[in-house]
Structures are given as structure tokens and as C-alpha cells.
């Protein structure tokens, strides 16, 4: 059994395919594997969505700074990117049932 307490990966790699503004782009993102309780605590403590993204993302292949202000600048130039990054985090973390 490999599903053991505390045995999850520390980081999650994801390639996000993003469309809009007349192009399709790929963004390589490495997320911290934060627990749902950690995300909830951040939100309940008043973190902004930009601050939450900076908390969730370990690294990304864009030249925007990986800070709350950098995420705000990213969202300002590419509307929807915060929602995309948040959805990408949940997709990378989520377990799926394979057809047996």
C-alpha cells in the first residue's frame, strides 16, 4: 500500500495549456503539495488570491516575479491567470480513479 500518511510528494509538476488573447501557450509550474487544510487556513487568515498563488507555486517558467505583487502583475496583463493557476493546483493534487 503506497497511500500512507505523510508519504505524498513534496512538489507537483504541471504543464498548464492556456488559451486566449489569440494564442495557445504552455506554462510549466511546480506547485508545493499543500494540504487542503493549509489552503483553507491561508484563506481564512485573509490572504488574497494573489498571495495564495505565491504560497502554492514553488516555481514557474515565466518572467513575472513569484511574489504577491508579481502574481497581481501577471493577472493584470493576462486576466484569468490566477484562476488558471488555482485550478491547475487542484488538478495536480487531485487523485483520480482509473478504470479497473
PDB file of N, CA and C in Angstrom:
ATOM      1  N   UNK A   1       0.849  -1.183   0.000  1.00  0.00           N
ATOM      2  CA  UNK A   1       0.000   0.000   0.000  1.00  0.00           C
ATOM      3  C   UNK A   1       0.889   1.239   0.000  1.00  0.00           C
ATOM      4  N   UNK A   2       0.735   2.084  -0.997  1.00  0.00           N
ATOM      5  CA  UNK A   2       1.575   3.279  -1.086  1.00  0.00           C
ATOM      6  C   UNK A   2       0.876   4.539  -0.592  1.00  0.00           C
ATOM      7  N   UNK A   3      -0.397   4.440  -0.266  1.00  0.00           N
ATOM      8  CA  UNK A   3      -1.134   5.596   0.238  1.00  0.00           C
ATOM      9  C   UNK A   3      -1.005   5.637   1.751  1.00  0.00           C
ATOM     10  N   UNK A   4       0.117   6.186   2.202  1.00  0.00           N
ATOM     11  CA  UNK A   4       0.395   6.246   3.627  1.00  0.00           C
ATOM     12  C   UNK A   4       0.470   7.695   4.080  1.00  0.00           C
ATOM     13  N   UNK A   5       0.111   7.906   5.303  1.00  0.00           N
ATOM     14  CA  UNK A   5       0.116   9.235   5.904  1.00  0.00           C
ATOM     15  C   UNK A   5       1.504   9.873   5.781  1.00  0.00           C
ATOM     16  N   UNK A   6       1.537  11.103   5.262  1.00  0.00           N
ATOM     17  CA  UNK A   6       2.792  11.840   5.142  1.00  0.00           C
ATOM     18  C   UNK A   6       3.704  11.370   4.032  1.00  0.00           C
ATOM     19  N   UNK A   7       3.212  10.497   3.141  1.00  0.00           N
ATOM     20  CA  UNK A   7       4.048   9.896   2.103  1.00  0.00           C
ATOM     21  C   UNK A   7       3.874  10.554   0.734  1.00  0.00           C
ATOM     22  N   UNK A   8       3.089  11.637   0.652  1.00  0.00           N
ATOM     23  CA  UNK A   8       2.859  12.300  -0.631  1.00  0.00           C
ATOM     24  C   UNK A   8       4.094  13.044  -1.112  1.00  0.00           C
ATOM     25  N   UNK A   9       4.147  13.338  -2.396  1.00  0.00           N
ATOM     26  CA  UNK A   9       5.285  14.093  -2.929  1.00  0.00           C
ATOM     27  C   UNK A   9       5.313  15.511  -2.350  1.00  0.00           C
ATOM     28  N   UNK A  10       6.493  16.081  -2.242  1.00  0.00           N
ATOM     29  CA  UNK A  10       6.637  17.444  -1.702  1.00  0.00           C
ATOM     30  C   UNK A  10       6.244  18.501  -2.725  1.00  0.00           C
ATOM     31  N   UNK A  11       6.479  18.199  -4.005  1.00  0.00           N
ATOM     32  CA  UNK A  11       6.113  19.129  -5.077  1.00  0.00           C
ATOM     33  C   UNK A  11       5.351  18.373  -6.161  1.00  0.00           C
ATOM     34  N   UNK A  12       4.588  19.128  -6.940  1.00  0.00           N
ATOM     35  CA  UNK A  12       3.782  18.574  -8.028  1.00  0.00           C
ATOM     36  C   UNK A  12       4.109  19.333  -9.309  1.00  0.00           C
ATOM     37  N   UNK A  13       4.507  18.628 -10.344  1.00  0.00           N
ATOM     38  CA  UNK A  13       4.838  19.246 -11.625  1.00  0.00           C
ATOM     39  C   UNK A  13       3.595  19.296 -12.501  1.00  0.00           C
ATOM     40  N   UNK A  14       3.405  20.406 -13.194  1.00  0.00           N
ATOM     41  CA  UNK A  14       2.238  20.547 -14.069  1.00  0.00           C
ATOM     42  C   UNK A  14       2.601  21.372 -15.291  1.00  0.00           C
ATOM     43  N   UNK A  15       2.026  21.007 -16.418  1.00  0.00           N
ATOM     44  CA  UNK A  15       2.096  21.811 -17.630  1.00  0.00           C
ATOM     45  C   UNK A  15       0.690  22.317 -17.889  1.00  0.00           C
ATOM     46  N   UNK A  16       0.507  23.619 -17.782  1.00  0.00           N
ATOM     47  CA  UNK A  16      -0.805  24.225 -17.990  1.00  0.00           C
ATOM     48  C   UNK A  16      -0.887  24.744 -19.416  1.00  0.00           C
ATOM     49  N   UNK A  17      -1.886  24.313 -20.156  1.00  0.00           N
ATOM     50  CA  UNK A  17      -2.120  24.809 -21.509  1.00  0.00           C
ATOM     51  C   UNK A  17      -3.172  25.900 -21.405  1.00  0.00           C
ATOM     52  N   UNK A  18      -2.797  27.094 -21.838  1.00  0.00           N
ATOM     53  CA  UNK A  18      -3.612  28.289 -21.642  1.00  0.00           C
ATOM     54  C   UNK A  18      -3.942  28.897 -22.997  1.00  0.00           C
ATOM     55  N   UNK A  19      -5.222  29.169 -23.226  1.00  0.00           N
ATOM     56  CA  UNK A  19      -5.632  29.801 -24.473  1.00  0.00           C
ATOM     57  C   UNK A  19      -6.253  31.155 -24.181  1.00  0.00           C
ATOM     58  N   UNK A  20      -6.190  32.017 -25.168  1.00  0.00           N
ATOM     59  CA  UNK A  20      -6.790  33.345 -25.052  1.00  0.00           C
ATOM     60  C   UNK A  20      -5.880  34.392 -25.648  1.00  0.00           C
ATOM     61  N   UNK A  21      -6.422  35.558 -25.855  1.00  0.00           N
ATOM     62  CA  UNK A  21      -5.685  36.672 -26.446  1.00  0.00           C
ATOM     63  C   UNK A  21      -5.023  36.265 -27.762  1.00  0.00           C
ATOM     64  N   UNK A  22      -5.676  35.349 -28.488  1.00  0.00           N
ATOM     65  CA  UNK A  22      -5.209  34.965 -29.812  1.00  0.00           C
ATOM     66  C   UNK A  22      -4.085  33.952 -29.855  1.00  0.00           C
ATOM     67  N   UNK A  23      -3.784  33.297 -28.727  1.00  0.00           N
ATOM     68  CA  UNK A  23      -2.700  32.311 -28.748  1.00  0.00           C
ATOM     69  C   UNK A  23      -2.996  31.171 -27.780  1.00  0.00           C
ATOM     70  N   UNK A  24      -2.241  30.098 -27.950  1.00  0.00           N
ATOM     71  CA  UNK A  24      -2.242  28.981 -27.010  1.00  0.00           C
ATOM     72  C   UNK A  24      -0.831  28.879 -26.463  1.00  0.00           C
ATOM     73  N   UNK A  25      -0.715  28.901 -25.149  1.00  0.00           N
ATOM     74  CA  UNK A  25       0.601  28.897 -24.502  1.00  0.00           C
ATOM     75  C   UNK A  25       0.672  27.787 -23.465  1.00  0.00           C
ATOM     76  N   UNK A  26       1.881  27.355 -23.181  1.00  0.00           N
ATOM     77  CA  UNK A  26       2.111  26.361 -22.133  1.00  0.00           C
ATOM     78  C   UNK A  26       2.917  27.027 -21.020  1.00  0.00           C
ATOM     79  N   UNK A  27       2.519  26.755 -19.792  1.00  0.00           N
ATOM     80  CA  UNK A  27       3.216  27.280 -18.622  1.00  0.00           C
ATOM     81  C   UNK A  27       3.606  26.097 -17.746  1.00  0.00           C
ATOM     82  N   UNK A  28       4.906  25.934 -17.544  1.00  0.00           N
ATOM     83  CA  UNK A  28       5.405  24.873 -16.663  1.00  0.00           C
ATOM     84  C   UNK A  28       5.383  25.411 -15.237  1.00  0.00           C
ATOM     85  N   UNK A  29       4.705  24.689 -14.363  1.00  0.00           N
ATOM     86  CA  UNK A  29       4.544  25.126 -12.979  1.00  0.00           C
ATOM     87  C   UNK A  29       4.925  23.981 -12.046  1.00  0.00           C
ATOM     88  N   UNK A  30       5.652  24.306 -10.996  1.00  0.00           N
ATOM     89  CA  UNK A  30       5.900  23.367  -9.909  1.00  0.00           C
ATOM     90  C   UNK A  30       5.171  23.907  -8.695  1.00  0.00           C
ATOM     91  N   UNK A  31       4.225  23.124  -8.207  1.00  0.00           N
ATOM     92  CA  UNK A  31       3.438  23.511  -7.039  1.00  0.00           C
ATOM     93  C   UNK A  31       4.001  22.854  -5.782  1.00  0.00           C
ATOM     94  N   UNK A  32       3.915  23.562  -4.658  1.00  0.00           N
ATOM     95  CA  UNK A  32       4.110  22.920  -3.359  1.00  0.00           C
ATOM     96  C   UNK A  32       2.889  22.025  -3.151  1.00  0.00           C
ATOM     97  N   UNK A  33       3.076  20.849  -2.630  1.00  0.00           N
ATOM     98  CA  UNK A  33       1.947  19.951  -2.377  1.00  0.00           C
ATOM     99  C   UNK A  33       1.316  20.318  -1.027  1.00  0.00           C
ATOM    100  N   UNK A  34       0.616  21.439  -1.006  1.00  0.00           N
ATOM    101  CA  UNK A  34      -0.022  21.921   0.227  1.00  0.00           C
ATOM    102  C   UNK A  34      -1.315  21.153   0.477  1.00  0.00           C
ATOM    103  N   UNK A  35      -1.569  20.852   1.729  1.00  0.00           N
ATOM    104  CA  UNK A  35      -2.809  20.171   2.109  1.00  0.00           C
ATOM    105  C   UNK A  35      -3.983  21.135   2.000  1.00  0.00           C
ATOM    106  N   UNK A  36      -5.179  20.568   1.845  1.00  0.00           N
ATOM    107  CA  UNK A  36      -6.386  21.393   1.781  1.00  0.00           C
ATOM    108  C   UNK A  36      -6.531  22.237   3.038  1.00  0.00           C
ATOM    109  N   UNK A  37      -6.162  21.685   4.182  1.00  0.00           N
ATOM    110  CA  UNK A  37      -6.264  22.433   5.436  1.00  0.00           C
ATOM    111  C   UNK A  37      -5.330  23.643   5.432  1.00  0.00           C
ATOM    112  N   UNK A  38      -4.151  23.528   4.823  1.00  0.00           N
ATOM    113  CA  UNK A  38      -3.219  24.656   4.740  1.00  0.00           C
ATOM    114  C   UNK A  38      -3.785  25.767   3.857  1.00  0.00           C
ATOM    115  N   UNK A  39      -4.399  25.378   2.755  1.00  0.00           N
ATOM    116  CA  UNK A  39      -5.007  26.358   1.846  1.00  0.00           C
ATOM    117  C   UNK A  39      -6.158  27.062   2.555  1.00  0.00           C
ATOM    118  N   UNK A  40      -6.990  26.287   3.220  1.00  0.00           N
ATOM    119  CA  UNK A  40      -8.136  26.853   3.944  1.00  0.00           C
ATOM    120  C   UNK A  40      -7.672  27.833   5.027  1.00  0.00           C
ATOM    121  N   UNK A  41      -6.635  27.465   5.778  1.00  0.00           N
ATOM    122  CA  UNK A  41      -6.105  28.346   6.823  1.00  0.00           C
ATOM    123  C   UNK A  41      -5.628  29.666   6.240  1.00  0.00           C
ATOM    124  N   UNK A  42      -4.943  29.616   5.106  1.00  0.00           N
ATOM    125  CA  UNK A  42      -4.472  30.847   4.451  1.00  0.00           C
ATOM    126  C   UNK A  42      -5.637  31.741   4.070  1.00  0.00           C
ATOM    127  N   UNK A  43      -6.644  31.143   3.464  1.00  0.00           N
ATOM    128  CA  UNK A  43      -7.810  31.921   3.039  1.00  0.00           C
ATOM    129  C   UNK A  43      -8.541  32.512   4.237  1.00  0.00           C
ATOM    130  N   UNK A  44      -8.708  31.726   5.284  1.00  0.00           N
ATOM    131  CA  UNK A  44      -9.406  32.204   6.478  1.00  0.00           C
ATOM    132  C   UNK A  44      -8.629  33.290   7.208  1.00  0.00           C
ATOM    133  N   UNK A  45      -7.309  33.312   7.035  1.00  0.00           N
ATOM    134  CA  UNK A  45      -6.497  34.345   7.685  1.00  0.00           C
ATOM    135  C   UNK A  45      -6.462  35.639   6.878  1.00  0.00           C
ATOM    136  N   UNK A  46      -7.185  35.661   5.744  1.00  0.00           N
ATOM    137  CA  UNK A  46      -7.300  36.889   4.969  1.00  0.00           C
ATOM    138  C   UNK A  46      -6.346  37.024   3.798  1.00  0.00           C
ATOM    139  N   UNK A  47      -5.703  35.944   3.399  1.00  0.00           N
ATOM    140  CA  UNK A  47      -4.795  36.006   2.250  1.00  0.00           C
ATOM    141  C   UNK A  47      -5.569  36.376   0.987  1.00  0.00           C
ATOM    142  N   UNK A  48      -4.945  37.164   0.141  1.00  0.00           N
ATOM    143  CA  UNK A  48      -5.530  37.471  -1.160  1.00  0.00           C
ATOM    144  C   UNK A  48      -5.306  36.275  -2.078  1.00  0.00           C
ATOM    145  N   UNK A  49      -6.022  36.225  -3.182  1.00  0.00           N
ATOM    146  CA  UNK A  49      -5.805  35.139  -4.141  1.00  0.00           C
ATOM    147  C   UNK A  49      -4.391  35.209  -4.709  1.00  0.00           C
ATOM    148  N   UNK A  50      -3.884  36.421  -4.948  1.00  0.00           N
ATOM    149  CA  UNK A  50      -2.512  36.558  -5.444  1.00  0.00           C
ATOM    150  C   UNK A  50      -1.521  36.031  -4.411  1.00  0.00           C
ATOM    151  N   UNK A  51      -1.757  36.336  -3.145  1.00  0.00           N
ATOM    152  CA  UNK A  51      -0.898  35.831  -2.081  1.00  0.00           C
ATOM    153  C   UNK A  51      -0.982  34.321  -1.959  1.00  0.00           C
ATOM    154  N   UNK A  52      -2.177  33.786  -2.155  1.00  0.00           N
ATOM    155  CA  UNK A  52      -2.361  32.338  -2.092  1.00  0.00           C
ATOM    156  C   UNK A  52      -1.601  31.647  -3.220  1.00  0.00           C
ATOM    157  N   UNK A  53      -1.649  32.211  -4.416  1.00  0.00           N
ATOM    158  CA  UNK A  53      -0.909  31.626  -5.546  1.00  0.00           C
ATOM    159  C   UNK A  53       0.584  31.633  -5.247  1.00  0.00           C
ATOM    160  N   UNK A  54       1.098  32.723  -4.694  1.00  0.00           N
ATOM    161  CA  UNK A  54       2.520  32.788  -4.336  1.00  0.00           C
ATOM    162  C   UNK A  54       2.866  31.722  -3.289  1.00  0.00           C
ATOM    163  N   UNK A  55       1.927  31.379  -2.434  1.00  0.00           N
ATOM    164  CA  UNK A  55       2.098  30.341  -1.411  1.00  0.00           C
ATOM    165  C   UNK A  55       2.071  28.938  -2.030  1.00  0.00           C
ATOM    166  N   UNK A  56       1.264  28.746  -3.057  1.00  0.00           N
ATOM    167  CA  UNK A  56       1.088  27.426  -3.669  1.00  0.00           C
ATOM    168  C   UNK A  56       2.161  27.070  -4.689  1.00  0.00           C
ATOM    169  N   UNK A  57       2.672  28.072  -5.403  1.00  0.00           N
ATOM    170  CA  UNK A  57       3.601  27.817  -6.508  1.00  0.00           C
ATOM    171  C   UNK A  57       5.039  27.858  -6.001  1.00  0.00           C
ATOM    172  N   UNK A  58       5.789  26.818  -6.312  1.00  0.00           N
ATOM    173  CA  UNK A  58       7.207  26.751  -5.965  1.00  0.00           C
ATOM    174  C   UNK A  58       8.050  27.437  -7.037  1.00  0.00           C
ATOM    175  N   UNK A  59       7.699  27.194  -8.312  1.00  0.00           N
ATOM    176  CA  UNK A  59       8.419  27.831  -9.422  1.00  0.00           C
ATOM    177  C   UNK A  59       7.548  27.781 -10.669  1.00  0.00           C
ATOM    178  N   UNK A  60       7.890  28.664 -11.627  1.00  0.00           N
ATOM    179  CA  UNK A  60       7.177  28.680 -12.902  1.00  0.00           C
ATOM    180  C   UNK A  60       8.104  29.237 -13.968  1.00  0.00           C
ATOM    181  N   UNK A  61       7.825  28.935 -15.231  1.00  0.00           N
ATOM    182  CA  UNK A  61       8.713  29.380 -16.306  1.00  0.00           C
ATOM    183  C   UNK A  61       8.173  30.639 -16.990  1.00  0.00           C
ATOM    184  N   UNK A  62       8.033  31.683 -16.212  1.00  0.00           N
ATOM    185  CA  UNK A  62       7.659  32.991 -16.731  1.00  0.00           C
ATOM    186  C   UNK A  62       8.538  34.024 -16.043  1.00  0.00           C
ATOM    187  N   UNK A  63       8.627  35.216 -16.620  1.00  0.00           N
ATOM    188  CA  UNK A  63       9.491  36.228 -16.016  1.00  0.00           C
ATOM    189  C   UNK A  63       8.773  37.114 -14.996  1.00  0.00           C
ATOM    190  N   UNK A  64       7.521  36.803 -14.678  1.00  0.00           N
ATOM    191  CA  UNK A  64       6.841  37.512 -13.598  1.00  0.00           C
ATOM    192  C   UNK A  64       7.412  37.021 -12.270  1.00  0.00           C
ATOM    193  N   UNK A  65       7.617  37.955 -11.335  1.00  0.00           N
ATOM    194  CA  UNK A  65       8.126  37.577 -10.018  1.00  0.00           C
ATOM    195  C   UNK A  65       7.126  36.678  -9.306  1.00  0.00           C
ATOM    196  N   UNK A  66       7.631  35.705  -8.598  1.00  0.00           N
ATOM    197  CA  UNK A  66       6.782  34.788  -7.839  1.00  0.00           C
ATOM    198  C   UNK A  66       6.576  35.358  -6.431  1.00  0.00           C
ATOM    199  N   UNK A  67       5.871  36.481  -6.417  1.00  0.00           N
ATOM    200  CA  UNK A  67       5.501  37.189  -5.197  1.00  0.00           C
ATOM    201  C   UNK A  67       4.042  37.597  -5.349  1.00  0.00           C
ATOM    202  N   UNK A  68       3.440  38.078  -4.280  1.00  0.00           N
ATOM    203  CA  UNK A  68       2.058  38.541  -4.381  1.00  0.00           C
ATOM    204  C   UNK A  68       1.940  39.652  -5.422  1.00  0.00           C
ATOM    205  N   UNK A  69       2.878  40.588  -5.408  1.00  0.00           N
ATOM    206  CA  UNK A  69       2.854  41.682  -6.392  1.00  0.00           C
ATOM    207  C   UNK A  69       3.090  41.161  -7.804  1.00  0.00           C
ATOM    208  N   UNK A  70       3.982  40.184  -7.952  1.00  0.00           N
ATOM    209  CA  UNK A  70       4.236  39.591  -9.260  1.00  0.00           C
ATOM    210  C   UNK A  70       3.015  38.875  -9.813  1.00  0.00           C
ATOM    211  N   UNK A  71       2.295  38.183  -8.940  1.00  0.00           N
ATOM    212  CA  UNK A  71       1.070  37.497  -9.361  1.00  0.00           C
ATOM    213  C   UNK A  71       0.023  38.524  -9.777  1.00  0.00           C
ATOM    214  N   UNK A  72      -0.078  39.631  -9.045  1.00  0.00           N
ATOM    215  CA  UNK A  72      -1.019  40.698  -9.410  1.00  0.00           C
ATOM    216  C   UNK A  72      -0.671  41.269 -10.784  1.00  0.00           C
ATOM    217  N   UNK A  73       0.621  41.463 -11.047  1.00  0.00           N
ATOM    218  CA  UNK A  73       1.055  41.975 -12.349  1.00  0.00           C
ATOM    219  C   UNK A  73       0.740  40.966 -13.456  1.00  0.00           C
ATOM    220  N   UNK A  74       0.928  39.688 -13.176  1.00  0.00           N
ATOM    221  CA  UNK A  74       0.618  38.611 -14.122  1.00  0.00           C
ATOM    222  C   UNK A  74      -0.873  38.644 -14.463  1.00  0.00           C
ATOM    223  N   UNK A  75      -1.724  38.751 -13.442  1.00  0.00           N
ATOM    224  CA  UNK A  75      -3.177  38.804 -13.634  1.00  0.00           C
ATOM    225  C   UNK A  75      -3.584  40.068 -14.384  1.00  0.00           C
ATOM    226  N   UNK A  76      -2.895  41.179 -14.126  1.00  0.00           N
ATOM    227  CA  UNK A  76      -3.205  42.442 -14.796  1.00  0.00           C
ATOM    228  C   UNK A  76      -2.948  42.333 -16.298  1.00  0.00           C
ATOM    229  N   UNK A  77      -1.865  41.663 -16.657  1.00  0.00           N
ATOM    230  CA  UNK A  77      -1.518  41.519 -18.073  1.00  0.00           C
ATOM    231  C   UNK A  77      -2.260  40.363 -18.748  1.00  0.00           C
ATOM    232  N   UNK A  78      -2.514  39.312 -18.000  1.00  0.00           N
ATOM    233  CA  UNK A  78      -3.185  38.126 -18.538  1.00  0.00           C
ATOM    234  C   UNK A  78      -4.375  37.774 -17.638  1.00  0.00           C
ATOM    235  N   UNK A  79      -5.504  38.466 -17.814  1.00  0.00           N
ATOM    236  CA  UNK A  79      -6.671  38.224 -16.960  1.00  0.00           C
ATOM    237  C   UNK A  79      -7.084  36.751 -16.969  1.00  0.00           C
ATOM    238  N   UNK A  80      -7.349  36.234 -15.788  1.00  0.00           N
ATOM    239  CA  UNK A  80      -7.745  34.842 -15.639  1.00  0.00           C
ATOM    240  C   UNK A  80      -6.620  33.936 -15.170  1.00  0.00           C
ATOM    241  N   UNK A  81      -5.380  34.430 -15.166  1.00  0.00           N
ATOM    242  CA  UNK A  81      -4.244  33.563 -14.831  1.00  0.00           C
ATOM    243  C   UNK A  81      -4.300  33.071 -13.392  1.00  0.00           C
ATOM    244  N   UNK A  82      -4.816  33.885 -12.471  1.00  0.00           N
ATOM    245  CA  UNK A  82      -4.915  33.445 -11.073  1.00  0.00           C
ATOM    246  C   UNK A  82      -5.867  32.258 -10.966  1.00  0.00           C
ATOM    247  N   UNK A  83      -7.008  32.353 -11.608  1.00  0.00           N
ATOM    248  CA  UNK A  83      -7.980  31.252 -11.600  1.00  0.00           C
ATOM    249  C   UNK A  83      -7.383  30.000 -12.250  1.00  0.00           C
ATOM    250  N   UNK A  84      -6.644  30.183 -13.337  1.00  0.00           N
ATOM    251  CA  UNK A  84      -6.000  29.066 -14.035  1.00  0.00           C
ATOM    252  C   UNK A  84      -4.980  28.388 -13.126  1.00  0.00           C
ATOM    253  N   UNK A  85      -4.152  29.179 -12.455  1.00  0.00           N
ATOM    254  CA  UNK A  85      -3.136  28.616 -11.569  1.00  0.00           C
ATOM    255  C   UNK A  85      -3.763  27.887 -10.382  1.00  0.00           C
ATOM    256  N   UNK A  86      -4.852  28.432  -9.848  1.00  0.00           N
ATOM    257  CA  UNK A  86      -5.539  27.789  -8.726  1.00  0.00           C
ATOM    258  C   UNK A  86      -6.176  26.471  -9.181  1.00  0.00           C
ATOM    259  N   UNK A  87      -6.820  26.477 -10.338  1.00  0.00           N
ATOM    260  CA  UNK A  87      -7.414  25.249 -10.880  1.00  0.00           C
ATOM    261  C   UNK A  87      -6.325  24.221 -11.190  1.00  0.00           C
ATOM    262  N   UNK A  88      -5.195  24.683 -11.712  1.00  0.00           N
ATOM    263  CA  UNK A  88      -4.082  23.783 -12.006  1.00  0.00           C
ATOM    264  C   UNK A  88      -3.543  23.113 -10.755  1.00  0.00           C
ATOM    265  N   UNK A  89      -3.493  23.865  -9.658  1.00  0.00           N
ATOM    266  CA  UNK A  89      -3.056  23.301  -8.379  1.00  0.00           C
ATOM    267  C   UNK A  89      -3.982  22.165  -7.957  1.00  0.00           C
ATOM    268  N   UNK A  90      -5.281  22.422  -7.993  1.00  0.00           N
ATOM    269  CA  UNK A  90      -6.234  21.394  -7.575  1.00  0.00           C
ATOM    270  C   UNK A  90      -6.193  20.180  -8.500  1.00  0.00           C
ATOM    271  N   UNK A  91      -6.022  20.416  -9.782  1.00  0.00           N
ATOM    272  CA  UNK A  91      -5.938  19.293 -10.724  1.00  0.00           C
ATOM    273  C   UNK A  91      -4.672  18.473 -10.464  1.00  0.00           C
ATOM    274  N   UNK A  92      -3.559  19.140 -10.176  1.00  0.00           N
ATOM    275  CA  UNK A  92      -2.302  18.432  -9.916  1.00  0.00           C
ATOM    276  C   UNK A  92      -2.372  17.619  -8.622  1.00  0.00           C
ATOM    277  N   UNK A  93      -3.105  18.104  -7.642  1.00  0.00           N
ATOM    278  CA  UNK A  93      -3.223  17.433  -6.337  1.00  0.00           C
ATOM    279  C   UNK A  93      -4.238  16.311  -6.321  1.00  0.00           C
ATOM    280  N   UNK A  94      -5.233  16.421  -7.147  1.00  0.00           N
ATOM    281  CA  UNK A  94      -6.383  15.514  -7.082  1.00  0.00           C
ATOM    282  C   UNK A  94      -6.021  14.091  -7.517  1.00  0.00           C
ATOM    283  N   UNK A  95      -6.469  13.134  -6.751  1.00  0.00           N
ATOM    284  CA  UNK A  95      -6.361  11.723  -7.120  1.00  0.00           C
ATOM    285  C   UNK A  95      -7.537  11.380  -8.027  1.00  0.00           C
ATOM    286  N   UNK A  96      -7.322  10.485  -8.973  1.00  0.00           N
ATOM    287  CA  UNK A  96      -8.365  10.058  -9.910  1.00  0.00           C
ATOM    288  C   UNK A  96      -8.482   8.542  -9.872  1.00  0.00           C
ATOM    289  N   UNK A  97      -9.660   8.047 -10.114  1.00  0.00           N
ATOM    290  CA  UNK A  97      -9.900   6.613 -10.195  1.00  0.00           C
ATOM    291  C   UNK A  97      -9.711   6.157 -11.635  1.00  0.00           C
ATOM    292  N   UNK A  98      -8.802   5.206 -11.837  1.00  0.00           N
ATOM    293  CA  UNK A  98      -8.625   4.623 -13.162  1.00  0.00           C
ATOM    294  C   UNK A  98      -9.652   3.526 -13.359  1.00  0.00           C
ATOM    295  N   UNK A  99      -9.978   3.304 -14.619  1.00  0.00           N
ATOM    296  CA  UNK A  99     -10.901   2.208 -14.928  1.00  0.00           C
ATOM    297  C   UNK A  99     -10.222   0.898 -14.542  1.00  0.00           C
ATOM    298  N   UNK A 100     -10.918   0.094 -13.789  1.00  0.00           N
ATOM    299  CA  UNK A 100     -10.358  -1.195 -13.339  1.00  0.00           C
ATOM    300  C   UNK A 100     -10.746  -2.318 -14.271  1.00  0.00           C
TER     301      UNK A 100
END
